[in-house]
C-alpha cells in the first residue's frame, strides 16, 4: 500500500459484501474505511 493512503471509500456492491471487505481492509492494512450512504459527502484533505 502507498504510505500516503489515509482512507478507503467503498462505494459499490451489496451492503453485506461491503461490510466484509471493509473489515478485511481494516484488519489487513490498518486503514480507515468508509462505506458512505447515498448522497453522503466527505471533505478530502
N, C-alpha and C. Protein backbone atom coordinates (compact mmCIF):
# COMPACT_ATOMS: atom_id res chain seq x y z
N UNK A 1 0.84 -1.19 0.00
CA UNK A 1 0.00 0.00 0.00
C UNK A 1 0.89 1.24 0.00
N UNK A 2 0.38 2.27 -0.59
CA UNK A 2 1.10 3.53 -0.60
C UNK A 2 1.11 4.14 0.79
N UNK A 3 2.23 4.71 1.22
CA UNK A 3 2.29 5.27 2.57
C UNK A 3 1.42 6.52 2.74
N UNK A 4 0.96 7.10 1.65
CA UNK A 4 0.16 8.32 1.73
C UNK A 4 -1.34 8.03 1.79
N UNK A 5 -1.73 6.80 1.63
CA UNK A 5 -3.14 6.44 1.65
C UNK A 5 -3.68 6.58 3.07
N UNK A 6 -4.73 7.39 3.22
CA UNK A 6 -5.29 7.64 4.55
C UNK A 6 -6.64 6.96 4.75
N UNK A 7 -7.43 6.90 3.68
CA UNK A 7 -8.78 6.37 3.82
C UNK A 7 -9.22 5.71 2.52
N UNK A 8 -10.06 4.69 2.67
CA UNK A 8 -10.62 3.98 1.53
C UNK A 8 -12.13 4.17 1.56
N UNK A 9 -12.73 4.43 0.39
CA UNK A 9 -14.17 4.57 0.27
C UNK A 9 -14.70 3.42 -0.57
N UNK A 10 -15.59 2.62 0.01
CA UNK A 10 -16.22 1.52 -0.71
C UNK A 10 -17.59 2.01 -1.16
N UNK A 11 -17.76 2.16 -2.47
CA UNK A 11 -18.99 2.77 -2.97
C UNK A 11 -19.80 1.87 -3.90
N UNK A 12 -19.38 0.62 -4.08
CA UNK A 12 -20.11 -0.31 -4.94
C UNK A 12 -20.31 -1.62 -4.20
N UNK A 13 -21.33 -2.33 -4.58
CA UNK A 13 -21.55 -3.66 -4.02
C UNK A 13 -22.68 -3.70 -3.02
N UNK A 14 -23.04 -4.91 -2.67
CA UNK A 14 -24.11 -5.11 -1.69
C UNK A 14 -23.60 -4.81 -0.29
N UNK A 15 -24.49 -4.40 0.57
CA UNK A 15 -24.12 -3.97 1.92
C UNK A 15 -23.33 -5.03 2.68
N UNK A 16 -23.76 -6.28 2.61
CA UNK A 16 -23.07 -7.34 3.36
C UNK A 16 -21.66 -7.56 2.83
N UNK A 17 -21.49 -7.49 1.53
CA UNK A 17 -20.17 -7.67 0.93
C UNK A 17 -19.27 -6.47 1.22
N UNK A 18 -19.83 -5.28 1.20
CA UNK A 18 -19.05 -4.08 1.52
C UNK A 18 -18.57 -4.14 2.97
N UNK A 19 -19.43 -4.60 3.85
CA UNK A 19 -19.06 -4.70 5.27
C UNK A 19 -17.92 -5.71 5.46
N UNK A 20 -17.98 -6.82 4.76
CA UNK A 20 -16.93 -7.84 4.87
C UNK A 20 -15.61 -7.32 4.31
N UNK A 21 -15.67 -6.64 3.17
CA UNK A 21 -14.45 -6.08 2.58
C UNK A 21 -13.89 -4.98 3.46
N UNK A 22 -14.75 -4.17 4.04
CA UNK A 22 -14.32 -3.11 4.97
C UNK A 22 -13.52 -3.71 6.12
N UNK A 23 -14.06 -4.74 6.74
CA UNK A 23 -13.36 -5.39 7.85
C UNK A 23 -12.02 -5.97 7.42
N UNK A 24 -11.99 -6.59 6.26
CA UNK A 24 -10.74 -7.20 5.77
C UNK A 24 -9.67 -6.13 5.52
N UNK A 25 -10.06 -5.03 4.91
CA UNK A 25 -9.09 -3.95 4.63
C UNK A 25 -8.59 -3.35 5.93
N UNK A 26 -9.50 -3.10 6.87
CA UNK A 26 -9.10 -2.53 8.16
C UNK A 26 -8.13 -3.47 8.89
N UNK A 27 -8.44 -4.74 8.88
CA UNK A 27 -7.62 -5.72 9.58
C UNK A 27 -6.25 -5.89 8.91
N UNK A 28 -6.25 -6.03 7.60
CA UNK A 28 -5.02 -6.32 6.86
C UNK A 28 -4.10 -5.11 6.71
N UNK A 29 -4.68 -3.93 6.49
CA UNK A 29 -3.88 -2.76 6.17
C UNK A 29 -3.95 -1.63 7.20
N UNK A 30 -4.75 -1.79 8.23
CA UNK A 30 -4.91 -0.77 9.28
C UNK A 30 -5.26 0.59 8.69
N UNK A 31 -6.19 0.58 7.75
CA UNK A 31 -6.67 1.82 7.12
C UNK A 31 -8.08 2.12 7.58
N UNK A 32 -8.43 3.40 7.53
CA UNK A 32 -9.79 3.83 7.81
C UNK A 32 -10.62 3.57 6.56
N UNK A 33 -11.73 2.84 6.69
CA UNK A 33 -12.56 2.50 5.54
C UNK A 33 -13.97 3.04 5.78
N UNK A 34 -14.49 3.77 4.80
CA UNK A 34 -15.84 4.30 4.88
C UNK A 34 -16.72 3.63 3.84
N UNK A 35 -17.94 3.33 4.24
CA UNK A 35 -18.96 2.83 3.32
C UNK A 35 -20.06 3.89 3.33
N UNK A 36 -19.92 4.90 2.48
CA UNK A 36 -20.86 6.03 2.53
C UNK A 36 -22.27 5.66 2.07
N UNK A 37 -23.22 6.37 2.63
CA UNK A 37 -24.61 6.25 2.20
C UNK A 37 -24.81 7.09 0.96
N UNK A 38 -25.83 6.81 0.22
CA UNK A 38 -26.14 7.58 -0.99
C UNK A 38 -26.29 9.06 -0.61
N UNK A 39 -25.55 9.91 -1.30
CA UNK A 39 -25.62 11.35 -1.07
C UNK A 39 -24.71 11.86 0.03
N UNK A 40 -24.07 10.97 0.76
CA UNK A 40 -23.17 11.37 1.83
C UNK A 40 -21.91 11.98 1.22
N UNK A 41 -21.41 13.04 1.84
CA UNK A 41 -20.20 13.68 1.30
C UNK A 41 -19.11 13.71 2.37
N UNK A 42 -17.88 13.89 1.90
CA UNK A 42 -16.71 13.92 2.76
C UNK A 42 -15.82 15.07 2.34
N UNK A 43 -15.12 15.64 3.29
CA UNK A 43 -14.12 16.65 3.00
C UNK A 43 -12.78 15.94 2.86
N UNK A 44 -12.14 16.12 1.72
CA UNK A 44 -10.84 15.49 1.48
C UNK A 44 -9.74 16.50 1.70
N UNK A 45 -8.70 16.09 2.41
CA UNK A 45 -7.57 16.98 2.67
C UNK A 45 -6.61 16.95 1.50
